Amino acid sequence: MTAKTAVVVIALTLIAAFLGVLVWVRYLTGAFGALERPSLFEQWLSNEARHFATPSEAKKLQNPVASSPEVIEEARVHWADHCASCHANNGSGDTQMGRNLYPKAPDMRAVPTQQLSDGELYYIIQNGVRLTGMPAWGSAGDGSGNQDSWKLVLFIRHLPNMTAQEAEQMQKLNPKTMQEFEEEKTEREFLNGSSPSDSAAKHQK
């Protein structure tokens, strides 16, 4: 074994020992639930995972879609319907789903996300990130030509400058919960001159 190889082996051994201690302290002491706040190391690791998850050639991809008010509007509608449940309309990640993921949904307006290349953002949208809550939204045949994903990249760039009015408008486009559906149904029935009890009676006949 050469001196250089010995140094590498020792370094890897020390790293493995450090990670072993970290795992023992963090997890074997009972802190294994998703409600736990990620440590600084885990937050760093989560950010780095987004870099490592992207092949070098994908990082160099250029966005083929030109930004325009129409494109941003289209992407805003897509985001509100598909992405906001985890990432929030404004990209903060401050939603019930986003807060309870592990690792937590990142603030898409912050530097760690905004410093990613367009190609990285596109690849993450298409392929997701393993061992996180980020799913893959693309399919095997998309390659680098999924226009919807490229438009979302433009919208992510727009997030730091998004207005409160835009975020409010997006609330109407968010997927509705069962409770919201029931509330709307009750309101419609009231406006139509019937009550929930009347509706229930009709169903029983």
N, C-alpha and C. Protein backbone atom coordinates (compact mmCIF):
# COMPACT_ATOMS: atom_id res chain seq x y z
N MET A 1 0.84 -1.20 0.00
CA MET A 1 0.00 0.00 0.00
C MET A 1 0.88 1.25 0.00
N THR A 2 0.64 2.12 -0.96
CA THR A 2 1.42 3.35 -1.04
C THR A 2 0.98 4.34 0.03
N ALA A 3 1.83 5.35 0.25
CA ALA A 3 1.51 6.36 1.25
C ALA A 3 0.22 7.11 0.89
N LYS A 4 0.06 7.36 -0.41
CA LYS A 4 -1.13 8.09 -0.86
C LYS A 4 -2.39 7.27 -0.61
N THR A 5 -2.32 5.96 -0.89
CA THR A 5 -3.47 5.08 -0.67
C THR A 5 -3.81 5.00 0.82
N ALA A 6 -2.76 4.95 1.64
CA ALA A 6 -2.96 4.87 3.09
C ALA A 6 -3.67 6.11 3.61
N VAL A 7 -3.30 7.27 3.09
CA VAL A 7 -3.94 8.52 3.50
C VAL A 7 -5.42 8.51 3.12
N VAL A 8 -5.71 8.03 1.91
CA VAL A 8 -7.11 7.96 1.44
C VAL A 8 -7.92 7.02 2.33
N VAL A 9 -7.35 5.86 2.66
CA VAL A 9 -8.04 4.88 3.50
C VAL A 9 -8.31 5.46 4.88
N ILE A 10 -7.31 6.13 5.45
CA ILE A 10 -7.48 6.74 6.78
C ILE A 10 -8.56 7.82 6.74
N ALA A 11 -8.54 8.64 5.68
CA ALA A 11 -9.53 9.71 5.56
C ALA A 11 -10.94 9.14 5.45
N LEU A 12 -11.09 8.10 4.62
CA LEU A 12 -12.40 7.48 4.46
C LEU A 12 -12.87 6.83 5.76
N THR A 13 -11.93 6.24 6.50
CA THR A 13 -12.26 5.62 7.78
C THR A 13 -12.76 6.66 8.77
N LEU A 14 -12.07 7.80 8.81
CA LEU A 14 -12.48 8.87 9.73
C LEU A 14 -13.85 9.42 9.36
N ILE A 15 -14.09 9.57 8.05
CA ILE A 15 -15.39 10.07 7.60
C ILE A 15 -16.49 9.09 7.97
N ALA A 16 -16.22 7.79 7.75
CA ALA A 16 -17.21 6.76 8.09
C ALA A 16 -17.49 6.75 9.59
N ALA A 17 -16.43 6.92 10.39
CA ALA A 17 -16.61 6.94 11.85
C ALA A 17 -17.44 8.15 12.27
N PHE A 18 -17.16 9.30 11.66
CA PHE A 18 -17.91 10.52 11.97
C PHE A 18 -19.39 10.34 11.62
N LEU A 19 -19.67 9.78 10.43
CA LEU A 19 -21.05 9.57 10.03
C LEU A 19 -21.73 8.55 10.94
N GLY A 20 -20.97 7.55 11.38
CA GLY A 20 -21.53 6.56 12.29
C GLY A 20 -21.95 7.17 13.61
N VAL A 21 -21.09 8.03 14.15
CA VAL A 21 -21.42 8.73 15.40
C VAL A 21 -22.64 9.62 15.20
N LEU A 22 -22.67 10.31 14.05
CA LEU A 22 -23.79 11.21 13.75
C LEU A 22 -25.10 10.44 13.69
N VAL A 23 -25.08 9.29 13.01
CA VAL A 23 -26.27 8.46 12.91
C VAL A 23 -26.71 7.98 14.29
N TRP A 24 -25.75 7.56 15.11
CA TRP A 24 -26.09 7.08 16.45
C TRP A 24 -26.73 8.17 17.29
N VAL A 25 -26.10 9.35 17.28
CA VAL A 25 -26.61 10.47 18.08
C VAL A 25 -27.97 10.92 17.57
N ARG A 26 -28.09 10.98 16.26
CA ARG A 26 -29.29 11.56 15.66
C ARG A 26 -30.47 10.59 15.66
N TYR A 27 -30.24 9.35 15.34
CA TYR A 27 -31.33 8.43 15.09
C TYR A 27 -31.52 7.35 16.16
N LEU A 28 -30.45 6.77 16.62
CA LEU A 28 -30.61 5.69 17.58
C LEU A 28 -31.01 6.19 18.96
N THR A 29 -31.02 7.49 19.15
CA THR A 29 -31.49 8.07 20.41
C THR A 29 -32.98 8.42 20.33
N GLY A 30 -33.62 8.05 19.23
CA GLY A 30 -35.06 8.24 19.13
C GLY A 30 -35.50 9.38 18.22
N ALA A 31 -34.58 10.21 17.74
CA ALA A 31 -34.94 11.34 16.88
C ALA A 31 -35.04 10.87 15.43
N PHE A 32 -36.07 10.07 15.14
CA PHE A 32 -36.18 9.47 13.81
C PHE A 32 -37.41 9.95 13.05
N GLY A 33 -38.31 10.63 13.73
CA GLY A 33 -39.55 11.05 13.09
C GLY A 33 -39.36 12.23 12.15
N ALA A 34 -40.33 12.37 11.25
CA ALA A 34 -40.29 13.48 10.28
C ALA A 34 -40.61 14.82 10.93
N LEU A 35 -41.14 14.79 12.16
CA LEU A 35 -41.46 16.05 12.85
C LEU A 35 -40.21 16.72 13.40
N GLU A 36 -39.11 15.96 13.50
CA GLU A 36 -37.87 16.54 14.02
C GLU A 36 -37.34 17.59 13.06
N ARG A 37 -36.72 18.61 13.62
CA ARG A 37 -36.11 19.65 12.79
C ARG A 37 -34.78 19.13 12.25
N PRO A 38 -34.57 19.18 10.94
CA PRO A 38 -33.31 18.68 10.39
C PRO A 38 -32.12 19.45 10.97
N SER A 39 -31.04 18.72 11.23
CA SER A 39 -29.81 19.36 11.71
C SER A 39 -29.21 20.20 10.59
N LEU A 40 -28.25 21.05 10.94
CA LEU A 40 -27.56 21.86 9.93
C LEU A 40 -26.87 20.96 8.91
N PHE A 41 -26.32 19.84 9.41
CA PHE A 41 -25.65 18.91 8.50
C PHE A 41 -26.65 18.33 7.51
N GLU A 42 -27.84 17.96 8.00
CA GLU A 42 -28.85 17.39 7.12
C GLU A 42 -29.35 18.43 6.12
N GLN A 43 -29.49 19.68 6.56
CA GLN A 43 -29.91 20.74 5.64
C GLN A 43 -28.86 20.93 4.55
N TRP A 44 -27.60 20.91 4.95
CA TRP A 44 -26.53 21.04 3.97
C TRP A 44 -26.54 19.85 3.02
N LEU A 45 -26.73 18.66 3.59
CA LEU A 45 -26.74 17.45 2.78
C LEU A 45 -27.90 17.46 1.79
N SER A 46 -29.05 17.98 2.22
CA SER A 46 -30.21 18.07 1.34
C SER A 46 -29.93 19.00 0.16
N ASN A 47 -29.30 20.14 0.44
CA ASN A 47 -28.96 21.07 -0.64
C ASN A 47 -27.94 20.46 -1.59
N GLU A 48 -26.95 19.76 -1.01
CA GLU A 48 -25.92 19.15 -1.85
C GLU A 48 -26.51 18.02 -2.68
N ALA A 49 -27.53 17.34 -2.15
CA ALA A 49 -28.14 16.23 -2.89
C ALA A 49 -28.72 16.72 -4.20
N ARG A 50 -29.22 17.95 -4.21
CA ARG A 50 -29.78 18.49 -5.45
C ARG A 50 -28.70 18.67 -6.49
N HIS A 51 -27.47 19.02 -6.04
CA HIS A 51 -26.36 19.16 -6.98
C HIS A 51 -25.93 17.80 -7.50
N PHE A 52 -25.75 16.84 -6.59
CA PHE A 52 -25.26 15.53 -6.98
C PHE A 52 -26.28 14.75 -7.79
N ALA A 53 -27.56 15.09 -7.64
CA ALA A 53 -28.60 14.37 -8.36
C ALA A 53 -28.63 14.72 -9.84
N THR A 54 -27.92 15.77 -10.23
CA THR A 54 -27.98 16.25 -11.60
C THR A 54 -26.71 15.93 -12.36
N PRO A 55 -26.79 15.19 -13.47
CA PRO A 55 -25.61 14.92 -14.29
C PRO A 55 -24.99 16.22 -14.79
N SER A 56 -23.68 16.20 -14.98
CA SER A 56 -22.97 17.43 -15.38
C SER A 56 -23.49 17.98 -16.70
N GLU A 57 -23.87 17.09 -17.64
CA GLU A 57 -24.35 17.58 -18.93
C GLU A 57 -25.70 18.26 -18.80
N ALA A 58 -26.52 17.80 -17.83
CA ALA A 58 -27.83 18.40 -17.63
C ALA A 58 -27.70 19.81 -17.06
N LYS A 59 -26.68 20.05 -16.24
CA LYS A 59 -26.47 21.37 -15.65
C LYS A 59 -26.21 22.43 -16.70
N LYS A 60 -25.73 22.01 -17.87
CA LYS A 60 -25.36 22.95 -18.93
C LYS A 60 -26.52 23.27 -19.86
N LEU A 61 -27.66 22.61 -19.67
CA LEU A 61 -28.79 22.85 -20.56
C LEU A 61 -29.26 24.30 -20.47
N GLN A 62 -29.62 24.85 -21.60
CA GLN A 62 -30.13 26.22 -21.66
C GLN A 62 -31.64 26.18 -21.86
N ASN A 63 -32.33 27.10 -21.25
CA ASN A 63 -33.78 27.15 -21.35
C ASN A 63 -34.18 27.59 -22.76
N PRO A 64 -34.90 26.72 -23.50
CA PRO A 64 -35.30 27.08 -24.86
C PRO A 64 -36.54 27.98 -24.92
N VAL A 65 -37.17 28.19 -23.77
CA VAL A 65 -38.39 29.00 -23.72
C VAL A 65 -38.04 30.42 -23.30
N ALA A 66 -38.45 31.38 -24.09
CA ALA A 66 -38.21 32.78 -23.77
C ALA A 66 -39.25 33.27 -22.76
N SER A 67 -38.80 34.06 -21.81
CA SER A 67 -39.71 34.58 -20.80
C SER A 67 -40.59 35.68 -21.38
N SER A 68 -41.84 35.66 -20.99
CA SER A 68 -42.81 36.68 -21.39
C SER A 68 -43.93 36.69 -20.36
N PRO A 69 -44.70 37.76 -20.27
CA PRO A 69 -45.82 37.78 -19.31
C PRO A 69 -46.78 36.61 -19.52
N GLU A 70 -46.99 36.23 -20.77
CA GLU A 70 -47.91 35.13 -21.07
C GLU A 70 -47.36 33.80 -20.56
N VAL A 71 -46.06 33.59 -20.76
CA VAL A 71 -45.43 32.35 -20.31
C VAL A 71 -45.43 32.27 -18.78
N ILE A 72 -45.12 33.38 -18.12
CA ILE A 72 -45.12 33.41 -16.66
C ILE A 72 -46.51 33.14 -16.12
N GLU A 73 -47.53 33.70 -16.78
CA GLU A 73 -48.90 33.47 -16.35
C GLU A 73 -49.28 32.00 -16.49
N GLU A 74 -48.89 31.39 -17.61
CA GLU A 74 -49.17 29.97 -17.82
C GLU A 74 -48.48 29.11 -16.77
N ALA A 75 -47.22 29.44 -16.49
CA ALA A 75 -46.48 28.69 -15.48
C ALA A 75 -47.06 28.91 -14.08
N ARG A 76 -47.55 30.12 -13.82
CA ARG A 76 -48.15 30.42 -12.52
C ARG A 76 -49.38 29.55 -12.28
N VAL A 77 -50.19 29.37 -13.31
CA VAL A 77 -51.37 28.51 -13.21
C VAL A 77 -50.94 27.06 -12.94
N HIS A 78 -49.92 26.61 -13.67
CA HIS A 78 -49.40 25.25 -13.50
C HIS A 78 -48.86 25.06 -12.08
N TRP A 79 -48.10 26.02 -11.61
CA TRP A 79 -47.51 25.96 -10.27
C TRP A 79 -48.61 25.89 -9.20
N ALA A 80 -49.62 26.74 -9.33
CA ALA A 80 -50.69 26.78 -8.34
C ALA A 80 -51.41 25.45 -8.25
N ASP A 81 -51.55 24.77 -9.38
CA ASP A 81 -52.31 23.52 -9.41
C ASP A 81 -51.47 22.30 -9.04
N HIS A 82 -50.17 22.31 -9.39
CA HIS A 82 -49.34 21.12 -9.21
C HIS A 82 -48.28 21.23 -8.10
N CYS A 83 -47.79 22.43 -7.84
CA CYS A 83 -46.61 22.59 -6.98
C CYS A 83 -46.88 23.26 -5.64
N ALA A 84 -47.93 24.08 -5.60
CA ALA A 84 -48.15 24.93 -4.42
C ALA A 84 -48.50 24.15 -3.17
N SER A 85 -49.03 22.94 -3.30
CA SER A 85 -49.41 22.17 -2.10
C SER A 85 -48.20 21.90 -1.22
N CYS A 86 -47.03 21.77 -1.83
CA CYS A 86 -45.79 21.58 -1.05
C CYS A 86 -44.97 22.87 -0.95
N HIS A 87 -44.88 23.59 -2.07
CA HIS A 87 -43.96 24.73 -2.14
C HIS A 87 -44.61 26.08 -1.83
N ALA A 88 -45.96 26.11 -1.70
CA ALA A 88 -46.72 27.35 -1.48
C ALA A 88 -46.76 28.17 -2.76
N ASN A 89 -47.75 29.02 -2.86
CA ASN A 89 -47.89 29.85 -4.05
C ASN A 89 -46.68 30.75 -4.24
N ASN A 90 -46.12 31.24 -3.14
CA ASN A 90 -44.99 32.17 -3.24
C ASN A 90 -43.63 31.47 -3.21
N GLY A 91 -43.64 30.13 -3.17
CA GLY A 91 -42.39 29.39 -3.19
C GLY A 91 -41.71 29.23 -1.85
N SER A 92 -42.34 29.68 -0.77
CA SER A 92 -41.71 29.65 0.55
C SER A 92 -41.61 28.25 1.14
N GLY A 93 -42.48 27.33 0.69
CA GLY A 93 -42.54 26.00 1.29
C GLY A 93 -43.33 25.96 2.57
N ASP A 94 -43.94 27.08 2.95
CA ASP A 94 -44.67 27.19 4.21
C ASP A 94 -46.11 26.72 4.02
N THR A 95 -46.28 25.41 3.84
CA THR A 95 -47.59 24.79 3.75
C THR A 95 -47.60 23.59 4.71
N GLN A 96 -48.77 23.07 4.98
CA GLN A 96 -48.85 21.92 5.88
C GLN A 96 -48.03 20.75 5.32
N MET A 97 -48.14 20.53 4.02
CA MET A 97 -47.38 19.45 3.40
C MET A 97 -45.89 19.75 3.41
N GLY A 98 -45.53 20.96 3.01
CA GLY A 98 -44.12 21.33 2.92
C GLY A 98 -43.41 21.31 4.25
N ARG A 99 -44.10 21.76 5.31
CA ARG A 99 -43.49 21.79 6.64
C ARG A 99 -43.29 20.40 7.22
N ASN A 100 -44.11 19.44 6.79
CA ASN A 100 -44.06 18.11 7.38
C ASN A 100 -43.29 17.10 6.54
N LEU A 101 -42.69 17.56 5.46
CA LEU A 101 -41.79 16.70 4.71
C LEU A 101 -40.46 16.61 5.45
N TYR A 102 -39.67 15.60 5.09
CA TYR A 102 -38.34 15.49 5.72
C TYR A 102 -37.36 15.04 4.66
N PRO A 103 -36.47 15.89 4.18
CA PRO A 103 -36.27 17.27 4.61
C PRO A 103 -37.44 18.17 4.18
N LYS A 104 -37.57 19.32 4.86
CA LYS A 104 -38.64 20.25 4.58
C LYS A 104 -38.52 20.76 3.15
N ALA A 105 -39.66 21.16 2.59
CA ALA A 105 -39.63 21.78 1.26
C ALA A 105 -38.79 23.05 1.34
N PRO A 106 -37.83 23.23 0.44
CA PRO A 106 -36.96 24.41 0.51
C PRO A 106 -37.68 25.69 0.10
N ASP A 107 -37.15 26.80 0.56
CA ASP A 107 -37.64 28.10 0.11
C ASP A 107 -37.08 28.32 -1.29
N MET A 108 -37.94 28.25 -2.29
CA MET A 108 -37.49 28.33 -3.68
C MET A 108 -36.99 29.72 -4.06
N ARG A 109 -37.25 30.69 -3.20
CA ARG A 109 -36.80 32.06 -3.46
C ARG A 109 -35.38 32.30 -2.97
N ALA A 110 -34.90 31.39 -2.11
CA ALA A 110 -33.62 31.58 -1.43
C ALA A 110 -32.43 31.23 -2.34
N VAL A 111 -31.25 31.66 -1.91
CA VAL A 111 -30.03 31.50 -2.70
C VAL A 111 -29.74 30.06 -3.10
N PRO A 112 -29.84 29.07 -2.18
CA PRO A 112 -29.49 27.70 -2.57
C PRO A 112 -30.25 27.19 -3.80
N THR A 113 -31.49 27.65 -3.98
CA THR A 113 -32.26 27.25 -5.16
C THR A 113 -31.99 28.16 -6.33
N GLN A 114 -31.97 29.46 -6.08
CA GLN A 114 -31.80 30.41 -7.17
C GLN A 114 -30.41 30.33 -7.82
N GLN A 115 -29.42 29.80 -7.09
CA GLN A 115 -28.09 29.70 -7.68
C GLN A 115 -27.93 28.44 -8.54
N LEU A 116 -28.92 27.55 -8.51
CA LEU A 116 -28.88 26.40 -9.40
C LEU A 116 -29.02 26.87 -10.85
N SER A 117 -28.41 26.17 -11.78
CA SER A 117 -28.55 26.53 -13.18
C SER A 117 -29.94 26.16 -13.68
N ASP A 118 -30.33 26.73 -14.81
CA ASP A 118 -31.62 26.40 -15.39
C ASP A 118 -31.70 24.90 -15.67
N GLY A 119 -30.59 24.33 -16.14
CA GLY A 119 -30.56 22.91 -16.43
C GLY A 119 -30.78 22.06 -15.19
N GLU A 120 -30.21 22.49 -14.06
CA GLU A 120 -30.40 21.76 -12.80
C GLU A 120 -31.87 21.80 -12.37
N LEU A 121 -32.46 22.98 -12.43
CA LEU A 121 -33.86 23.10 -12.04
C LEU A 121 -34.75 22.24 -12.93
N TYR A 122 -34.48 22.28 -14.22
CA TYR A 122 -35.26 21.48 -15.16
C TYR A 122 -35.11 19.99 -14.84
N TYR A 123 -33.89 19.55 -14.61
CA TYR A 123 -33.63 18.13 -14.34
C TYR A 123 -34.34 17.68 -13.05
N ILE A 124 -34.30 18.52 -12.03
CA ILE A 124 -34.96 18.18 -10.76
C ILE A 124 -36.46 18.08 -10.94
N ILE A 125 -37.07 19.00 -11.69
CA ILE A 125 -38.51 18.94 -11.94
C ILE A 125 -38.86 17.66 -12.69
N GLN A 126 -38.06 17.33 -13.68
CA GLN A 126 -38.33 16.16 -14.50
C GLN A 126 -38.09 14.84 -13.77
N ASN A 127 -37.00 14.78 -12.99
CA ASN A 127 -36.56 13.51 -12.43
C ASN A 127 -36.73 13.37 -10.92
N GLY A 128 -37.06 14.46 -10.23
CA GLY A 128 -37.20 14.40 -8.79
C GLY A 128 -35.86 14.25 -8.09
N VAL A 129 -35.89 14.10 -6.78
CA VAL A 129 -34.68 13.90 -5.97
C VAL A 129 -34.94 12.73 -5.03
N ARG A 130 -34.14 11.71 -5.12
CA ARG A 130 -34.33 10.54 -4.28
C ARG A 130 -34.17 10.88 -2.80
N LEU A 131 -34.87 10.11 -1.98
CA LEU A 131 -34.82 10.23 -0.52
C LEU A 131 -35.32 11.59 -0.02
N THR A 132 -36.12 12.27 -0.84
CA THR A 132 -36.77 13.51 -0.43
C THR A 132 -38.24 13.41 -0.86
N GLY A 133 -39.01 14.46 -0.60
CA GLY A 133 -40.41 14.46 -1.02
C GLY A 133 -40.61 14.95 -2.45
N MET A 134 -39.50 15.24 -3.17
CA MET A 134 -39.63 15.78 -4.52
C MET A 134 -39.83 14.67 -5.53
N PRO A 135 -41.04 14.58 -6.13
CA PRO A 135 -41.31 13.52 -7.11
C PRO A 135 -40.80 13.91 -8.50
N ALA A 136 -40.79 12.94 -9.39
CA ALA A 136 -40.43 13.20 -10.79
C ALA A 136 -41.71 13.53 -11.56
N TRP A 137 -41.70 14.66 -12.25
CA TRP A 137 -42.89 15.08 -12.99
C TRP A 137 -42.76 14.80 -14.48
N GLY A 138 -41.60 14.36 -14.92
CA GLY A 138 -41.40 14.07 -16.33
C GLY A 138 -41.62 12.61 -16.65
N SER A 139 -41.41 12.25 -17.90
CA SER A 139 -41.50 10.86 -18.32
C SER A 139 -40.25 10.52 -19.11
N ALA A 140 -40.04 9.24 -19.35
CA ALA A 140 -38.80 8.77 -19.96
C ALA A 140 -38.54 9.37 -21.34
N GLY A 141 -39.58 9.68 -22.07
CA GLY A 141 -39.39 10.17 -23.43
C GLY A 141 -39.27 11.68 -23.55
N ASP A 142 -39.31 12.39 -22.45
CA ASP A 142 -39.29 13.86 -22.52
C ASP A 142 -37.94 14.42 -22.96
N GLY A 143 -36.85 13.81 -22.45
CA GLY A 143 -35.53 14.38 -22.72
C GLY A 143 -35.44 15.79 -22.18
N SER A 144 -34.95 16.70 -23.01
CA SER A 144 -34.82 18.10 -22.58
C SER A 144 -35.85 18.99 -23.25
N GLY A 145 -36.95 18.36 -23.71
CA GLY A 145 -37.92 19.13 -24.49
C GLY A 145 -39.27 19.33 -23.85
N ASN A 146 -39.38 19.14 -22.54
CA ASN A 146 -40.66 19.35 -21.88
C ASN A 146 -40.87 20.84 -21.65
N GLN A 147 -41.72 21.43 -22.45
CA GLN A 147 -41.94 22.88 -22.40
C GLN A 147 -42.53 23.32 -21.07
N ASP A 148 -43.44 22.52 -20.51
CA ASP A 148 -44.06 22.91 -19.24
C ASP A 148 -43.01 23.02 -18.13
N SER A 149 -42.07 22.09 -18.10
CA SER A 149 -41.03 22.13 -17.06
C SER A 149 -40.11 23.34 -17.25
N TRP A 150 -39.79 23.65 -18.50
CA TRP A 150 -38.95 24.83 -18.76
C TRP A 150 -39.68 26.11 -18.36
N LYS A 151 -40.99 26.14 -18.56
CA LYS A 151 -41.76 27.32 -18.14
C LYS A 151 -41.76 27.44 -16.62
N LEU A 152 -41.81 26.30 -15.93
CA LEU A 152 -41.73 26.33 -14.47
C LEU A 152 -40.39 26.86 -14.00
N VAL A 153 -39.32 26.55 -14.74
CA VAL A 153 -38.00 27.10 -14.40
C VAL A 153 -38.06 28.63 -14.45
N LEU A 154 -38.69 29.18 -15.47
CA LEU A 154 -38.83 30.63 -15.57
C LEU A 154 -39.64 31.18 -14.40
N PHE A 155 -40.68 30.44 -13.99
CA PHE A 155 -41.50 30.91 -12.87
C PHE A 155 -40.71 30.86 -11.57
N ILE A 156 -39.87 29.85 -11.40
CA ILE A 156 -39.02 29.78 -10.20
C ILE A 156 -38.09 30.99 -10.15
N ARG A 157 -37.57 31.41 -11.28
CA ARG A 157 -36.74 32.62 -11.33
C ARG A 157 -37.55 33.86 -10.97
N HIS A 158 -38.84 33.81 -11.26
CA HIS A 158 -39.73 34.95 -10.99
C HIS A 158 -40.15 35.03 -9.52
N LEU A 159 -40.07 33.92 -8.80
CA LEU A 159 -40.59 33.85 -7.43
C LEU A 159 -40.06 34.94 -6.50
N PRO A 160 -38.74 35.25 -6.51
CA PRO A 160 -38.25 36.28 -5.57
C PRO A 160 -38.90 37.65 -5.79
N ASN A 161 -39.45 37.87 -6.98
CA ASN A 161 -40.05 39.17 -7.30
C ASN A 161 -41.57 39.11 -7.41
N MET A 162 -42.15 37.98 -7.02
CA MET A 162 -43.59 37.83 -7.13
C MET A 162 -44.29 38.72 -6.12
N THR A 163 -45.41 39.31 -6.53
CA THR A 163 -46.14 40.22 -5.66
C THR A 163 -47.16 39.46 -4.81
N ALA A 164 -47.59 40.10 -3.74
CA ALA A 164 -48.62 39.52 -2.88
C ALA A 164 -49.92 39.36 -3.66
N GLN A 165 -50.18 40.26 -4.59
CA GLN A 165 -51.40 40.18 -5.40
C GLN A 165 -51.38 38.93 -6.28
N GLU A 166 -50.22 38.62 -6.85
CA GLU A 166 -50.10 37.41 -7.65
C GLU A 166 -50.38 36.17 -6.81
N ALA A 167 -49.78 36.13 -5.62
CA ALA A 167 -49.97 34.98 -4.73
C ALA A 167 -51.44 34.83 -4.34
N GLU A 168 -52.12 35.95 -4.12
CA GLU A 168 -53.53 35.91 -3.74
C GLU A 168 -54.39 35.39 -4.89
N GLN A 169 -54.06 35.82 -6.11
CA GLN A 169 -54.80 35.36 -7.28
C GLN A 169 -54.65 33.85 -7.47
N MET A 170 -53.50 33.33 -7.10
CA MET A 170 -53.22 31.91 -7.28
C MET A 170 -54.04 31.03 -6.34
N GLN A 171 -54.52 31.60 -5.25
CA GLN A 171 -55.30 30.82 -4.28
C GLN A 171 -56.55 30.23 -4.93
N LYS A 172 -57.12 30.92 -5.90
CA LYS A 172 -58.31 30.42 -6.59
C LYS A 172 -57.98 29.22 -7.46
N LEU A 173 -56.70 29.04 -7.77
CA LEU A 173 -56.29 27.96 -8.66
C LEU A 173 -55.76 26.75 -7.91
N ASN A 174 -55.60 26.89 -6.59
CA ASN A 174 -55.07 25.78 -5.79
C ASN A 174 -56.08 24.64 -5.71
N PRO A 175 -55.61 23.39 -5.67
CA PRO A 175 -56.52 22.25 -5.50
C PRO A 175 -57.33 22.40 -4.21
N LYS A 176 -58.58 22.06 -4.27
CA LYS A 176 -59.46 22.23 -3.10
C LYS A 176 -59.49 20.96 -2.25
N THR A 177 -59.58 21.15 -0.95
CA THR A 177 -59.73 20.03 -0.03
C THR A 177 -61.19 19.59 0.01
N MET A 178 -61.45 18.42 0.59
CA MET A 178 -62.82 17.94 0.71
C MET A 178 -63.67 18.91 1.54
N GLN A 179 -63.05 19.49 2.57
CA GLN A 179 -63.78 20.45 3.40
C GLN A 179 -64.20 21.67 2.57
N GLU A 180 -63.29 22.14 1.70
CA GLU A 180 -63.62 23.30 0.86
C GLU A 180 -64.72 22.96 -0.13
N PHE A 181 -64.68 21.73 -0.68
CA PHE A 181 -65.75 21.31 -1.58
C PHE A 181 -67.10 21.30 -0.86
N GLU A 182 -67.11 20.79 0.38
CA GLU A 182 -68.35 20.73 1.14
C GLU A 182 -68.86 22.13 1.46
N GLU A 183 -67.94 23.04 1.80
CA GLU A 183 -68.35 24.41 2.10
C GLU A 183 -68.95 25.08 0.86
N GLU A 184 -68.32 24.85 -0.31
CA GLU A 184 -68.85 25.43 -1.54
C GLU A 184 -70.22 24.84 -1.88
N LYS A 185 -70.35 23.52 -1.66
CA LYS A 185 -71.63 22.86 -1.92
C LYS A 185 -72.73 23.45 -1.04
N THR A 186 -72.40 23.62 0.25
CA THR A 186 -73.38 24.20 1.19
C THR A 186 -73.77 25.61 0.77
N GLU A 187 -72.77 26.38 0.33
CA GLU A 187 -73.04 27.76 -0.10
C GLU A 187 -73.93 27.78 -1.34
N ARG A 188 -73.65 26.89 -2.29
CA ARG A 188 -74.47 26.83 -3.52
C ARG A 188 -75.90 26.45 -3.19
N GLU A 189 -76.05 25.47 -2.29
CA GLU A 189 -77.39 25.04 -1.91
C GLU A 189 -78.15 26.17 -1.21
N PHE A 190 -77.45 26.94 -0.40
CA PHE A 190 -78.09 28.06 0.29
C PHE A 190 -78.54 29.12 -0.72
N LEU A 191 -77.67 29.40 -1.70
CA LEU A 191 -77.99 30.41 -2.70
C LEU A 191 -79.14 29.95 -3.61
N ASN A 192 -79.25 28.63 -3.77
CA ASN A 192 -80.31 28.08 -4.61
C ASN A 192 -81.62 27.88 -3.85
N GLY A 193 -81.60 28.24 -2.56
CA GLY A 193 -82.83 28.18 -1.79
C GLY A 193 -83.10 26.88 -1.09
N SER A 194 -82.07 26.00 -1.04
CA SER A 194 -82.26 24.73 -0.33
C SER A 194 -81.23 24.64 0.78
N SER A 195 -81.49 23.77 1.73
CA SER A 195 -80.58 23.59 2.84
C SER A 195 -79.91 22.24 2.74
N PRO A 196 -78.78 22.02 3.44
CA PRO A 196 -78.12 20.72 3.44
C PRO A 196 -79.06 19.59 3.85
N SER A 197 -80.01 19.86 4.79
CA SER A 197 -80.94 18.83 5.23
C SER A 197 -81.90 18.46 4.10
N ASP A 198 -82.30 19.47 3.28
CA ASP A 198 -83.17 19.20 2.14
C ASP A 198 -82.47 18.29 1.15
N SER A 199 -81.17 18.58 0.91
CA SER A 199 -80.39 17.78 -0.03
C SER A 199 -80.25 16.35 0.46
N ALA A 200 -80.01 16.20 1.77
CA ALA A 200 -79.86 14.87 2.35
C ALA A 200 -81.16 14.08 2.24
N ALA A 201 -82.28 14.78 2.42
CA ALA A 201 -83.58 14.13 2.34
C ALA A 201 -83.84 13.62 0.93
N LYS A 202 -83.42 14.37 -0.07
CA LYS A 202 -83.61 13.95 -1.46
C LYS A 202 -82.84 12.68 -1.75
N HIS A 203 -81.61 12.60 -1.21
CA HIS A 203 -80.77 11.43 -1.45
C HIS A 203 -81.35 10.19 -0.78
N GLN A 204 -82.13 10.37 0.32
CA GLN A 204 -82.67 9.24 1.05
C GLN A 204 -83.91 8.66 0.38
N LYS A 205 -84.53 9.44 -0.48
CA LYS A 205 -85.75 8.97 -1.15
C LYS A 205 -85.43 7.96 -2.24
